[in-house]
Amino acid sequence: MSDAKADRKQYQITVTGTRFAIASPYGEEHIRKVESFLEQQISTIQKSSSSISSSNFYYWFFNVIKTRI
């Protein structure tokens, strides 16, 4: 049985101008879809939540979404 962490490859994504390093076993195409999804979700939330600061927003969003990627 292979180690799941050993199967992960490192990727760089950029979401709303901020770069993030992530690891995934799912490949480049999947990572770009996740990157696009995050960009769309953040944009939608920021448009409807103008009272939240960017740093608080990123903290909240990535703590919520990391369990879903």
N, C-alpha and C. Protein backbone atom coordinates (compact mmCIF):
# COMPACT_ATOMS: atom_id res chain seq x y z
N MET A 1 0.84 -1.18 0.00
CA MET A 1 0.00 0.00 0.00
C MET A 1 0.89 1.24 0.00
N SER A 2 0.58 2.21 -0.85
CA SER A 2 1.41 3.41 -0.96
C SER A 2 0.99 4.46 0.06
N ASP A 3 1.93 5.26 0.46
CA ASP A 3 1.68 6.35 1.39
C ASP A 3 1.00 7.49 0.63
N ALA A 4 -0.17 7.95 1.11
CA ALA A 4 -0.94 8.99 0.42
C ALA A 4 -0.14 10.28 0.29
N LYS A 5 0.64 10.64 1.31
CA LYS A 5 1.43 11.88 1.24
C LYS A 5 2.53 11.77 0.19
N ALA A 6 3.07 10.58 -0.01
CA ALA A 6 4.13 10.38 -0.99
C ALA A 6 3.61 10.57 -2.41
N ASP A 7 2.31 10.36 -2.61
CA ASP A 7 1.70 10.49 -3.93
C ASP A 7 1.35 11.93 -4.29
N ARG A 8 1.50 12.83 -3.35
CA ARG A 8 1.14 14.23 -3.59
C ARG A 8 2.25 15.00 -4.30
N LYS A 9 1.85 15.84 -5.23
CA LYS A 9 2.77 16.71 -5.94
C LYS A 9 2.49 18.15 -5.52
N GLN A 10 3.52 18.97 -5.47
CA GLN A 10 3.38 20.36 -5.07
C GLN A 10 2.94 21.22 -6.26
N TYR A 11 2.03 22.15 -5.99
CA TYR A 11 1.54 23.09 -7.01
C TYR A 11 1.48 24.49 -6.42
N GLN A 12 1.59 25.47 -7.28
CA GLN A 12 1.40 26.86 -6.93
C GLN A 12 0.08 27.32 -7.54
N ILE A 13 -0.78 27.94 -6.74
CA ILE A 13 -2.00 28.53 -7.27
C ILE A 13 -2.01 30.00 -6.89
N THR A 14 -2.72 30.78 -7.67
CA THR A 14 -2.88 32.21 -7.38
C THR A 14 -4.37 32.49 -7.31
N VAL A 15 -4.79 33.04 -6.18
CA VAL A 15 -6.19 33.35 -5.97
C VAL A 15 -6.27 34.81 -5.54
N THR A 16 -6.98 35.61 -6.31
CA THR A 16 -7.12 37.05 -6.10
C THR A 16 -5.77 37.72 -5.86
N GLY A 17 -4.79 37.30 -6.64
CA GLY A 17 -3.47 37.92 -6.59
C GLY A 17 -2.53 37.39 -5.51
N THR A 18 -2.99 36.46 -4.69
CA THR A 18 -2.16 35.89 -3.64
C THR A 18 -1.77 34.48 -4.03
N ARG A 19 -0.46 34.18 -3.91
CA ARG A 19 0.03 32.85 -4.27
C ARG A 19 -0.01 31.91 -3.07
N PHE A 20 -0.38 30.67 -3.35
CA PHE A 20 -0.45 29.64 -2.33
C PHE A 20 0.25 28.39 -2.85
N ALA A 21 0.90 27.67 -1.96
CA ALA A 21 1.50 26.38 -2.30
C ALA A 21 0.58 25.30 -1.72
N ILE A 22 0.20 24.36 -2.57
CA ILE A 22 -0.64 23.26 -2.11
C ILE A 22 -0.08 21.94 -2.63
N ALA A 23 -0.47 20.86 -2.00
CA ALA A 23 -0.05 19.53 -2.44
C ALA A 23 -1.29 18.71 -2.73
N SER A 24 -1.25 17.96 -3.83
CA SER A 24 -2.40 17.15 -4.21
C SER A 24 -1.96 15.97 -5.06
N PRO A 25 -2.66 14.85 -4.92
CA PRO A 25 -2.38 13.70 -5.78
C PRO A 25 -3.22 13.72 -7.07
N TYR A 26 -4.04 14.77 -7.28
CA TYR A 26 -5.03 14.74 -8.35
C TYR A 26 -4.59 15.34 -9.69
N GLY A 27 -3.43 15.93 -9.77
CA GLY A 27 -2.90 16.40 -11.04
C GLY A 27 -3.20 17.86 -11.36
N GLU A 28 -2.48 18.34 -12.35
CA GLU A 28 -2.53 19.75 -12.77
C GLU A 28 -3.93 20.22 -13.17
N GLU A 29 -4.63 19.44 -13.96
CA GLU A 29 -5.95 19.85 -14.44
C GLU A 29 -6.91 20.07 -13.26
N HIS A 30 -6.89 19.16 -12.31
CA HIS A 30 -7.75 19.30 -11.13
C HIS A 30 -7.37 20.54 -10.32
N ILE A 31 -6.08 20.77 -10.14
CA ILE A 31 -5.62 21.93 -9.37
C ILE A 31 -6.07 23.23 -10.02
N ARG A 32 -6.01 23.31 -11.34
CA ARG A 32 -6.45 24.53 -12.04
C ARG A 32 -7.97 24.73 -11.90
N LYS A 33 -8.72 23.63 -11.85
CA LYS A 33 -10.17 23.75 -11.62
C LYS A 33 -10.44 24.24 -10.20
N VAL A 34 -9.68 23.74 -9.23
CA VAL A 34 -9.82 24.20 -7.85
C VAL A 34 -9.46 25.69 -7.76
N GLU A 35 -8.38 26.07 -8.42
CA GLU A 35 -7.95 27.47 -8.43
C GLU A 35 -9.05 28.37 -8.99
N SER A 36 -9.65 27.96 -10.08
CA SER A 36 -10.74 28.73 -10.70
C SER A 36 -11.96 28.79 -9.78
N PHE A 37 -12.30 27.66 -9.17
CA PHE A 37 -13.42 27.60 -8.24
C PHE A 37 -13.20 28.56 -7.07
N LEU A 38 -12.01 28.53 -6.48
CA LEU A 38 -11.71 29.42 -5.37
C LEU A 38 -11.81 30.88 -5.77
N GLU A 39 -11.26 31.20 -6.93
CA GLU A 39 -11.32 32.58 -7.44
C GLU A 39 -12.77 33.04 -7.56
N GLN A 40 -13.62 32.20 -8.13
CA GLN A 40 -15.04 32.55 -8.30
C GLN A 40 -15.75 32.70 -6.97
N GLN A 41 -15.50 31.78 -6.05
CA GLN A 41 -16.16 31.82 -4.74
C GLN A 41 -15.74 33.05 -3.95
N ILE A 42 -14.46 33.34 -3.93
CA ILE A 42 -13.97 34.50 -3.21
C ILE A 42 -14.54 35.78 -3.79
N SER A 43 -14.55 35.88 -5.10
CA SER A 43 -15.10 37.06 -5.76
C SER A 43 -16.57 37.26 -5.39
N THR A 44 -17.33 36.20 -5.42
CA THR A 44 -18.76 36.27 -5.08
C THR A 44 -18.96 36.71 -3.63
N ILE A 45 -18.21 36.13 -2.73
CA ILE A 45 -18.35 36.45 -1.31
C ILE A 45 -17.89 37.88 -1.03
N GLN A 46 -16.79 38.30 -1.64
CA GLN A 46 -16.30 39.66 -1.42
C GLN A 46 -17.29 40.71 -1.92
N LYS A 47 -17.96 40.43 -3.01
CA LYS A 47 -18.95 41.37 -3.53
C LYS A 47 -20.13 41.53 -2.58
N SER A 48 -20.48 40.46 -1.88
CA SER A 48 -21.64 40.52 -0.98
C SER A 48 -21.25 40.82 0.46
N SER A 49 -19.97 40.88 0.77
CA SER A 49 -19.51 41.10 2.14
C SER A 49 -18.44 42.18 2.18
N SER A 50 -18.78 43.38 1.81
CA SER A 50 -17.79 44.45 1.73
C SER A 50 -17.25 44.87 3.09
N SER A 51 -17.89 44.47 4.19
CA SER A 51 -17.46 44.91 5.52
C SER A 51 -16.33 44.05 6.12
N ILE A 52 -15.97 42.95 5.49
CA ILE A 52 -14.93 42.08 6.04
C ILE A 52 -13.58 42.44 5.42
N SER A 53 -12.53 42.49 6.25
CA SER A 53 -11.20 42.82 5.74
C SER A 53 -10.64 41.64 4.95
N SER A 54 -9.72 41.93 4.05
CA SER A 54 -9.13 40.87 3.22
C SER A 54 -8.43 39.81 4.05
N SER A 55 -7.64 40.23 5.03
CA SER A 55 -6.90 39.24 5.83
C SER A 55 -7.85 38.35 6.64
N ASN A 56 -8.89 38.93 7.22
CA ASN A 56 -9.87 38.12 7.95
C ASN A 56 -10.63 37.20 7.01
N PHE A 57 -10.92 37.69 5.84
CA PHE A 57 -11.64 36.89 4.85
C PHE A 57 -10.82 35.67 4.46
N TYR A 58 -9.54 35.85 4.11
CA TYR A 58 -8.70 34.73 3.71
C TYR A 58 -8.57 33.71 4.84
N TYR A 59 -8.38 34.20 6.06
CA TYR A 59 -8.28 33.29 7.20
C TYR A 59 -9.54 32.44 7.31
N TRP A 60 -10.68 33.07 7.28
CA TRP A 60 -11.94 32.37 7.38
C TRP A 60 -12.15 31.41 6.20
N PHE A 61 -11.99 31.92 5.00
CA PHE A 61 -12.29 31.13 3.81
C PHE A 61 -11.42 29.89 3.71
N PHE A 62 -10.11 30.03 3.91
CA PHE A 62 -9.23 28.87 3.73
C PHE A 62 -9.33 27.89 4.88
N ASN A 63 -9.73 28.33 6.03
CA ASN A 63 -9.98 27.37 7.12
C ASN A 63 -11.26 26.59 6.86
N VAL A 64 -12.22 27.20 6.21
CA VAL A 64 -13.46 26.50 5.86
C VAL A 64 -13.23 25.58 4.67
N ILE A 65 -12.59 26.07 3.62
CA ILE A 65 -12.50 25.33 2.36
C ILE A 65 -11.43 24.22 2.40
N LYS A 66 -10.42 24.31 3.26
CA LYS A 66 -9.35 23.31 3.24
C LYS A 66 -9.84 21.90 3.50
N THR A 67 -10.96 21.77 4.18
CA THR A 67 -11.49 20.43 4.43
C THR A 67 -12.26 19.88 3.23
N ARG A 68 -12.49 20.72 2.24
CA ARG A 68 -13.28 20.31 1.08
C ARG A 68 -12.45 20.08 -0.18
N ILE A 69 -11.18 20.43 -0.15
CA ILE A 69 -10.32 20.27 -1.33
C ILE A 69 -9.76 18.87 -1.38
